[in-house]
PDB file of N, CA and C in Angstrom:
ATOM      1  N   MET A   1     -21.328 -13.927   9.564  1.00  0.00           N
ATOM      2  CA  MET A   1     -22.454 -13.374   8.836  1.00  0.00           C
ATOM      3  C   MET A   1     -21.911 -12.451   7.740  1.00  0.00           C
ATOM      4  N   PRO A   2     -22.330 -12.647   6.493  1.00  0.00           N
ATOM      5  CA  PRO A   2     -21.873 -11.812   5.396  1.00  0.00           C
ATOM      6  C   PRO A   2     -22.314 -10.350   5.577  1.00  0.00           C
ATOM      7  N   VAL A   3     -21.478  -9.466   5.099  1.00  0.00           N
ATOM      8  CA  VAL A   3     -21.779  -8.039   5.145  1.00  0.00           C
ATOM      9  C   VAL A   3     -21.897  -7.542   3.705  1.00  0.00           C
ATOM     10  N   HIS A   4     -22.928  -6.783   3.442  1.00  0.00           N
ATOM     11  CA  HIS A   4     -23.137  -6.257   2.098  1.00  0.00           C
ATOM     12  C   HIS A   4     -22.100  -5.165   1.815  1.00  0.00           C
ATOM     13  N   PRO A   5     -21.432  -5.212   0.658  1.00  0.00           N
ATOM     14  CA  PRO A   5     -20.402  -4.222   0.330  1.00  0.00           C
ATOM     15  C   PRO A   5     -20.894  -2.772   0.418  1.00  0.00           C
ATOM     16  N   HIS A   6     -22.138  -2.538   0.036  1.00  0.00           N
ATOM     17  CA  HIS A   6     -22.650  -1.166   0.084  1.00  0.00           C
ATOM     18  C   HIS A   6     -22.727  -0.659   1.524  1.00  0.00           C
ATOM     19  N   ALA A   7     -23.064  -1.534   2.453  1.00  0.00           N
ATOM     20  CA  ALA A   7     -23.119  -1.149   3.868  1.00  0.00           C
ATOM     21  C   ALA A   7     -21.731  -0.774   4.378  1.00  0.00           C
ATOM     22  N   VAL A   8     -20.724  -1.526   3.952  1.00  0.00           N
ATOM     23  CA  VAL A   8     -19.344  -1.215   4.346  1.00  0.00           C
ATOM     24  C   VAL A   8     -18.951   0.148   3.792  1.00  0.00           C
ATOM     25  N   TYR A   9     -19.269   0.395   2.537  1.00  0.00           N
ATOM     26  CA  TYR A   9     -18.923   1.666   1.918  1.00  0.00           C
ATOM     27  C   TYR A   9     -19.620   2.834   2.613  1.00  0.00           C
ATOM     28  N   LYS A  10     -20.905   2.676   2.921  1.00  0.00           N
ATOM     29  CA  LYS A  10     -21.633   3.753   3.605  1.00  0.00           C
ATOM     30  C   LYS A  10     -20.986   4.062   4.953  1.00  0.00           C
ATOM     31  N   ARG A  11     -20.596   3.035   5.659  1.00  0.00           N
ATOM     32  CA  ARG A  11     -19.934   3.225   6.960  1.00  0.00           C
ATOM     33  C   ARG A  11     -18.604   3.954   6.779  1.00  0.00           C
ATOM     34  N   PHE A  12     -17.861   3.552   5.756  1.00  0.00           N
ATOM     35  CA  PHE A  12     -16.581   4.184   5.444  1.00  0.00           C
ATOM     36  C   PHE A  12     -16.768   5.672   5.156  1.00  0.00           C
ATOM     37  N   VAL A  13     -17.777   6.015   4.375  1.00  0.00           N
ATOM     38  CA  VAL A  13     -18.063   7.416   4.047  1.00  0.00           C
ATOM     39  C   VAL A  13     -18.372   8.202   5.319  1.00  0.00           C
ATOM     40  N   ARG A  14     -19.170   7.624   6.208  1.00  0.00           N
ATOM     41  CA  ARG A  14     -19.495   8.305   7.472  1.00  0.00           C
ATOM     42  C   ARG A  14     -18.256   8.538   8.323  1.00  0.00           C
ATOM     43  N   ILE A  15     -17.396   7.543   8.395  1.00  0.00           N
ATOM     44  CA  ILE A  15     -16.162   7.681   9.180  1.00  0.00           C
ATOM     45  C   ILE A  15     -15.292   8.796   8.608  1.00  0.00           C
ATOM     46  N   CYS A  16     -15.152   8.826   7.295  1.00  0.00           N
ATOM     47  CA  CYS A  16     -14.350   9.881   6.658  1.00  0.00           C
ATOM     48  C   CYS A  16     -14.955  11.260   6.915  1.00  0.00           C
ATOM     49  N   ARG A  17     -16.272  11.350   6.828  1.00  0.00           N
ATOM     50  CA  ARG A  17     -16.940  12.626   7.056  1.00  0.00           C
ATOM     51  C   ARG A  17     -16.702  13.110   8.484  1.00  0.00           C
ATOM     52  N   ARG A  18     -16.869  12.210   9.464  1.00  0.00           N
ATOM     53  CA  ARG A  18     -16.654  12.574  10.872  1.00  0.00           C
ATOM     54  C   ARG A  18     -15.215  12.998  11.139  1.00  0.00           C
ATOM     55  N   ALA A  19     -14.288  12.392  10.439  1.00  0.00           N
ATOM     56  CA  ALA A  19     -12.874  12.711  10.624  1.00  0.00           C
ATOM     57  C   ALA A  19     -12.439  13.902   9.777  1.00  0.00           C
ATOM     58  N   ASP A  20     -13.391  14.495   9.049  1.00  0.00           N
ATOM     59  CA  ASP A  20     -13.123  15.632   8.171  1.00  0.00           C
ATOM     60  C   ASP A  20     -12.052  15.300   7.129  1.00  0.00           C
ATOM     61  N   LEU A  21     -12.143  14.093   6.593  1.00  0.00           N
ATOM     62  CA  LEU A  21     -11.221  13.647   5.553  1.00  0.00           C
ATOM     63  C   LEU A  21     -11.878  13.791   4.189  1.00  0.00           C
ATOM     64  N   PRO A  22     -11.081  13.975   3.154  1.00  0.00           N
ATOM     65  CA  PRO A  22     -11.670  14.073   1.819  1.00  0.00           C
ATOM     66  C   PRO A  22     -12.284  12.738   1.416  1.00  0.00           C
ATOM     67  N   ARG A  23     -13.277  12.793   0.583  1.00  0.00           N
ATOM     68  CA  ARG A  23     -13.936  11.580   0.113  1.00  0.00           C
ATOM     69  C   ARG A  23     -13.036  10.877  -0.892  1.00  0.00           C
ATOM     70  N   ILE A  24     -12.749   9.626  -0.638  1.00  0.00           N
ATOM     71  CA  ILE A  24     -11.936   8.818  -1.545  1.00  0.00           C
ATOM     72  C   ILE A  24     -12.667   7.503  -1.799  1.00  0.00           C
ATOM     73  N   ALA A  25     -12.252   6.842  -2.831  1.00  0.00           N
ATOM     74  CA  ALA A  25     -12.827   5.528  -3.119  1.00  0.00           C
ATOM     75  C   ALA A  25     -12.343   4.535  -2.072  1.00  0.00           C
ATOM     76  N   PHE A  26     -13.220   3.646  -1.659  1.00  0.00           N
ATOM     77  CA  PHE A  26     -12.871   2.647  -0.652  1.00  0.00           C
ATOM     78  C   PHE A  26     -11.669   1.827  -1.098  1.00  0.00           C
ATOM     79  N   HIS A  27     -11.608   1.511  -2.375  1.00  0.00           N
ATOM     80  CA  HIS A  27     -10.511   0.709  -2.912  1.00  0.00           C
ATOM     81  C   HIS A  27      -9.162   1.424  -2.776  1.00  0.00           C
ATOM     82  N   ASP A  28      -9.177   2.749  -2.675  1.00  0.00           N
ATOM     83  CA  ASP A  28      -7.933   3.500  -2.492  1.00  0.00           C
ATOM     84  C   ASP A  28      -7.227   3.110  -1.200  1.00  0.00           C
ATOM     85  N   LEU A  29      -7.963   2.592  -0.225  1.00  0.00           N
ATOM     86  CA  LEU A  29      -7.339   2.132   1.021  1.00  0.00           C
ATOM     87  C   LEU A  29      -6.377   0.978   0.750  1.00  0.00           C
ATOM     88  N   ARG A  30      -6.746   0.139  -0.166  1.00  0.00           N
ATOM     89  CA  ARG A  30      -5.888  -0.993  -0.533  1.00  0.00           C
ATOM     90  C   ARG A  30      -4.587  -0.492  -1.139  1.00  0.00           C
ATOM     91  N   HIS A  31      -4.695   0.472  -2.034  1.00  0.00           N
ATOM     92  CA  HIS A  31      -3.509   1.046  -2.662  1.00  0.00           C
ATOM     93  C   HIS A  31      -2.628   1.737  -1.619  1.00  0.00           C
ATOM     94  N   THR A  32      -3.262   2.483  -0.721  1.00  0.00           N
ATOM     95  CA  THR A  32      -2.518   3.175   0.331  1.00  0.00           C
ATOM     96  C   THR A  32      -1.798   2.180   1.225  1.00  0.00           C
ATOM     97  N   CYS A  33      -2.483   1.124   1.601  1.00  0.00           N
ATOM     98  CA  CYS A  33      -1.880   0.084   2.434  1.00  0.00           C
ATOM     99  C   CYS A  33      -0.649  -0.513   1.753  1.00  0.00           C
ATOM    100  N   ALA A  34      -0.779  -0.892   0.508  1.00  0.00           N
ATOM    101  CA  ALA A  34       0.333  -1.495  -0.220  1.00  0.00           C
ATOM    102  C   ALA A  34       1.503  -0.520  -0.345  1.00  0.00           C
ATOM    103  N   THR A  35       1.204   0.724  -0.644  1.00  0.00           N
ATOM    104  CA  THR A  35       2.254   1.726  -0.797  1.00  0.00           C
ATOM    105  C   THR A  35       2.984   1.962   0.523  1.00  0.00           C
ATOM    106  N   LEU A  36       2.240   2.089   1.614  1.00  0.00           N
ATOM    107  CA  LEU A  36       2.871   2.310   2.923  1.00  0.00           C
ATOM    108  C   LEU A  36       3.719   1.111   3.345  1.00  0.00           C
ATOM    109  N   LEU A  37       3.239  -0.088   3.071  1.00  0.00           N
ATOM    110  CA  LEU A  37       4.024  -1.270   3.402  1.00  0.00           C
ATOM    111  C   LEU A  37       5.324  -1.311   2.606  1.00  0.00           C
ATOM    112  N   ARG A  38       5.239  -0.994   1.315  1.00  0.00           N
ATOM    113  CA  ARG A  38       6.455  -0.980   0.492  1.00  0.00           C
ATOM    114  C   ARG A  38       7.414   0.103   0.962  1.00  0.00           C
ATOM    115  N   GLU A  39       6.896   1.291   1.310  1.00  0.00           N
ATOM    116  CA  GLU A  39       7.753   2.365   1.818  1.00  0.00           C
ATOM    117  C   GLU A  39       8.434   1.962   3.115  1.00  0.00           C
ATOM    118  N   ALA A  40       7.764   1.128   3.906  1.00  0.00           N
ATOM    119  CA  ALA A  40       8.319   0.678   5.181  1.00  0.00           C
ATOM    120  C   ALA A  40       9.328  -0.453   4.988  1.00  0.00           C
ATOM    121  N   GLY A  41       9.526  -0.851   3.752  1.00  0.00           N
ATOM    122  CA  GLY A  41      10.515  -1.874   3.461  1.00  0.00           C
ATOM    123  C   GLY A  41      10.001  -3.300   3.553  1.00  0.00           C
ATOM    124  N   VAL A  42       8.693  -3.472   3.621  1.00  0.00           N
ATOM    125  CA  VAL A  42       8.128  -4.816   3.668  1.00  0.00           C
ATOM    126  C   VAL A  42       8.373  -5.490   2.319  1.00  0.00           C
ATOM    127  N   ASN A  43       8.833  -6.709   2.373  1.00  0.00           N
ATOM    128  CA  ASN A  43       9.142  -7.474   1.177  1.00  0.00           C
ATOM    129  C   ASN A  43       7.927  -7.537   0.259  1.00  0.00           C
ATOM    130  N   VAL A  44       8.152  -7.369  -1.027  1.00  0.00           N
ATOM    131  CA  VAL A  44       7.051  -7.340  -1.993  1.00  0.00           C
ATOM    132  C   VAL A  44       6.291  -8.670  -2.018  1.00  0.00           C
ATOM    133  N   GLU A  45       6.954  -9.766  -1.706  1.00  0.00           N
ATOM    134  CA  GLU A  45       6.257 -11.055  -1.658  1.00  0.00           C
ATOM    135  C   GLU A  45       5.244 -11.085  -0.516  1.00  0.00           C
ATOM    136  N   VAL A  46       5.584 -10.452   0.594  1.00  0.00           N
ATOM    137  CA  VAL A  46       4.665 -10.383   1.732  1.00  0.00           C
ATOM    138  C   VAL A  46       3.470  -9.493   1.379  1.00  0.00           C
ATOM    139  N   VAL A  47       3.746  -8.348   0.772  1.00  0.00           N
ATOM    140  CA  VAL A  47       2.671  -7.441   0.360  1.00  0.00           C
ATOM    141  C   VAL A  47       1.752  -8.154  -0.632  1.00  0.00           C
ATOM    142  N   SER A  48       2.334  -8.872  -1.570  1.00  0.00           N
ATOM    143  CA  SER A  48       1.557  -9.601  -2.564  1.00  0.00           C
ATOM    144  C   SER A  48       0.635 -10.616  -1.888  1.00  0.00           C
ATOM    145  N   ALA A  49       1.153 -11.329  -0.905  1.00  0.00           N
ATOM    146  CA  ALA A  49       0.337 -12.314  -0.188  1.00  0.00           C
ATOM    147  C   ALA A  49      -0.791 -11.636   0.577  1.00  0.00           C
ATOM    148  N   MET A  50      -0.500 -10.502   1.210  1.00  0.00           N
ATOM    149  CA  MET A  50      -1.532  -9.782   1.960  1.00  0.00           C
ATOM    150  C   MET A  50      -2.653  -9.304   1.048  1.00  0.00           C
ATOM    151  N   LEU A  51      -2.290  -8.892  -0.168  1.00  0.00           N
ATOM    152  CA  LEU A  51      -3.281  -8.391  -1.112  1.00  0.00           C
ATOM    153  C   LEU A  51      -4.026  -9.518  -1.824  1.00  0.00           C
ATOM    154  N   GLY A  52      -3.532 -10.737  -1.651  1.00  0.00           N
ATOM    155  CA  GLY A  52      -4.194 -11.876  -2.283  1.00  0.00           C
ATOM    156  C   GLY A  52      -3.892 -12.026  -3.758  1.00  0.00           C
ATOM    157  N   HIS A  53      -2.784 -11.437  -4.206  1.00  0.00           N
ATOM    158  CA  HIS A  53      -2.414 -11.578  -5.613  1.00  0.00           C
ATOM    159  C   HIS A  53      -1.891 -12.987  -5.857  1.00  0.00           C
ATOM    160  N   SER A  54      -2.259 -13.571  -6.974  1.00  0.00           N
ATOM    161  CA  SER A  54      -1.831 -14.924  -7.301  1.00  0.00           C
ATOM    162  C   SER A  54      -0.385 -14.959  -7.783  1.00  0.00           C
ATOM    163  N   ASP A  55       0.122 -13.811  -8.187  1.00  0.00           N
ATOM    164  CA  ASP A  55       1.475 -13.735  -8.733  1.00  0.00           C
ATOM    165  C   ASP A  55       2.106 -12.423  -8.305  1.00  0.00           C
ATOM    166  N   ILE A  56       3.347 -12.480  -7.900  1.00  0.00           N
ATOM    167  CA  ILE A  56       4.059 -11.281  -7.438  1.00  0.00           C
ATOM    168  C   ILE A  56       4.164 -10.234  -8.549  1.00  0.00           C
ATOM    169  N   ARG A  57       4.115 -10.674  -9.804  1.00  0.00           N
ATOM    170  CA  ARG A  57       4.203  -9.722 -10.923  1.00  0.00           C
ATOM    171  C   ARG A  57       3.033  -8.753 -10.933  1.00  0.00           C
ATOM    172  N   VAL A  58       1.883  -9.199 -10.480  1.00  0.00           N
ATOM    173  CA  VAL A  58       0.720  -8.311 -10.392  1.00  0.00           C
ATOM    174  C   VAL A  58       1.014  -7.192  -9.402  1.00  0.00           C
ATOM    175  N   THR A  59       1.537  -7.561  -8.254  1.00  0.00           N
ATOM    176  CA  THR A  59       1.866  -6.574  -7.223  1.00  0.00           C
ATOM    177  C   THR A  59       2.900  -5.589  -7.741  1.00  0.00           C
ATOM    178  N   LEU A  60       3.925  -6.095  -8.364  1.00  0.00           N
ATOM    179  CA  LEU A  60       4.983  -5.224  -8.882  1.00  0.00           C
ATOM    180  C   LEU A  60       4.462  -4.297  -9.972  1.00  0.00           C
ATOM    181  N   ALA A  61       3.570  -4.788 -10.805  1.00  0.00           N
ATOM    182  CA  ALA A  61       3.038  -3.966 -11.892  1.00  0.00           C
ATOM    183  C   ALA A  61       2.192  -2.821 -11.356  1.00  0.00           C
ATOM    184  N   VAL A  62       1.460  -3.069 -10.285  1.00  0.00           N
ATOM    185  CA  VAL A  62       0.535  -2.055  -9.763  1.00  0.00           C
ATOM    186  C   VAL A  62       1.180  -1.156  -8.723  1.00  0.00           C
ATOM    187  N   TYR A  63       2.048  -1.726  -7.884  1.00  0.00           N
ATOM    188  CA  TYR A  63       2.548  -0.992  -6.718  1.00  0.00           C
ATOM    189  C   TYR A  63       4.058  -0.789  -6.718  1.00  0.00           C
ATOM    190  N   SER A  64       4.681  -0.764  -7.869  1.00  0.00           N
ATOM    191  CA  SER A  64       6.141  -0.656  -7.891  1.00  0.00           C
ATOM    192  C   SER A  64       6.641   0.764  -8.111  1.00  0.00           C
ATOM    193  N   HIS A  65       5.751   1.748  -8.093  1.00  0.00           N
ATOM    194  CA  HIS A  65       6.197   3.121  -8.299  1.00  0.00           C
ATOM    195  C   HIS A  65       7.129   3.542  -7.162  1.00  0.00           C
ATOM    196  N   VAL A  66       8.045   4.422  -7.477  1.00  0.00           N
ATOM    197  CA  VAL A  66       9.040   4.869  -6.507  1.00  0.00           C
ATOM    198  C   VAL A  66       8.478   6.036  -5.706  1.00  0.00           C
ATOM    199  N   GLN A  67       8.565   5.925  -4.393  1.00  0.00           N
ATOM    200  CA  GLN A  67       8.096   6.971  -3.490  1.00  0.00           C
ATOM    201  C   GLN A  67       9.285   7.766  -2.966  1.00  0.00           C
ATOM    202  N   PRO A  68       9.054   9.017  -2.564  1.00  0.00           N
ATOM    203  CA  PRO A  68      10.130   9.785  -1.952  1.00  0.00           C
ATOM    204  C   PRO A  68      10.677   9.014  -0.756  1.00  0.00           C
ATOM    205  N   GLY A  69      11.972   8.994  -0.634  1.00  0.00           N
ATOM    206  CA  GLY A  69      12.596   8.274   0.466  1.00  0.00           C
ATOM    207  C   GLY A  69      13.105   6.906   0.043  1.00  0.00           C
ATOM    208  N   MET A  70      12.439   6.294  -0.941  1.00  0.00           N
ATOM    209  CA  MET A  70      12.880   4.981  -1.394  1.00  0.00           C
ATOM    210  C   MET A  70      14.202   5.084  -2.143  1.00  0.00           C
ATOM    211  N   LEU A  71      14.358   6.141  -2.930  1.00  0.00           N
ATOM    212  CA  LEU A  71      15.618   6.325  -3.652  1.00  0.00           C
ATOM    213  C   LEU A  71      16.768   6.574  -2.684  1.00  0.00           C
ATOM    214  N   GLU A  72      16.494   7.373  -1.660  1.00  0.00           N
ATOM    215  CA  GLU A  72      17.532   7.648  -0.670  1.00  0.00           C
ATOM    216  C   GLU A  72      17.916   6.368   0.064  1.00  0.00           C
ATOM    217  N   GLY A  73      16.924   5.551   0.388  1.00  0.00           N
ATOM    218  CA  GLY A  73      17.200   4.277   1.055  1.00  0.00           C
ATOM    219  C   GLY A  73      18.053   3.369   0.197  1.00  0.00           C
ATOM    220  N   ALA A  74      17.751   3.332  -1.100  1.00  0.00           N
ATOM    221  CA  ALA A  74      18.537   2.515  -2.016  1.00  0.00           C
ATOM    222  C   ALA A  74      19.956   3.054  -2.140  1.00  0.00           C
ATOM    223  N   ALA A  75      20.090   4.366  -2.199  1.00  0.00           N
ATOM    224  CA  ALA A  75      21.421   4.974  -2.273  1.00  0.00           C
ATOM    225  C   ALA A  75      22.227   4.689  -1.002  1.00  0.00           C
ATOM    226  N   ASP A  76      21.584   4.763   0.153  1.00  0.00           N
ATOM    227  CA  ASP A  76      22.272   4.455   1.418  1.00  0.00           C
ATOM    228  C   ASP A  76      22.710   2.998   1.459  1.00  0.00           C
ATOM    229  N   ALA A  77      21.852   2.107   0.996  1.00  0.00           N
ATOM    230  CA  ALA A  77      22.185   0.685   0.983  1.00  0.00           C
ATOM    231  C   ALA A  77      23.387   0.419   0.070  1.00  0.00           C
ATOM    232  N   MET A  78      23.395   1.071  -1.093  1.00  0.00           N
ATOM    233  CA  MET A  78      24.516   0.890  -2.028  1.00  0.00           C
ATOM    234  C   MET A  78      25.810   1.453  -1.427  1.00  0.00           C
ATOM    235  N   ALA A  79      25.713   2.591  -0.759  1.00  0.00           N
ATOM    236  CA  ALA A  79      26.902   3.180  -0.123  1.00  0.00           C
ATOM    237  C   ALA A  79      27.481   2.238   0.927  1.00  0.00           C
ATOM    238  N   LYS A  80      26.620   1.579   1.687  1.00  0.00           N
ATOM    239  CA  LYS A  80      27.087   0.621   2.706  1.00  0.00           C
ATOM    240  C   LYS A  80      27.779  -0.576   2.049  1.00  0.00           C
ATOM    241  N   VAL A  81      27.195  -1.058   0.954  1.00  0.00           N
ATOM    242  CA  VAL A  81      27.775  -2.198   0.255  1.00  0.00           C
ATOM    243  C   VAL A  81      29.158  -1.840  -0.287  1.00  0.00           C
ATOM    244  N   LEU A  82      29.260  -0.663  -0.890  1.00  0.00           N
ATOM    245  CA  LEU A  82      30.526  -0.240  -1.497  1.00  0.00           C
ATOM    246  C   LEU A  82      31.581   0.105  -0.456  1.00  0.00           C
ATOM    247  N   ALA A  83      31.145   0.551   0.710  1.00  0.00           N
ATOM    248  CA  ALA A  83      32.082   0.936   1.752  1.00  0.00           C
ATOM    249  C   ALA A  83      32.635  -0.281   2.490  1.00  0.00           C
ATOM    250  N   GLY A  84      31.951  -1.386   2.370  1.00  0.00           N
ATOM    251  CA  GLY A  84      32.289  -2.405   3.211  1.00  0.00           C
ATOM    252  C   GLY A  84      32.798  -3.667   3.154  1.00  0.00           C
TER     253      GLY A  84
END
């Protein structure tokens, strides 16, 4: 059975209010999900597929910003390569 988008949003607002969370746009959940997956090291092709992007370039253009910890991970990976 189809669900009306406004009903989903109203429910989301109620959940945030009960949890004493700041009000954010529902679409921000998508951005948060993609960012957390990338921070966890999930391959960008997998994230792109989960988001339903037709091309990985879309995912990279929107979600390729560097988060704290990602630079350190890259530096550690390079150190292992050079050491070994």
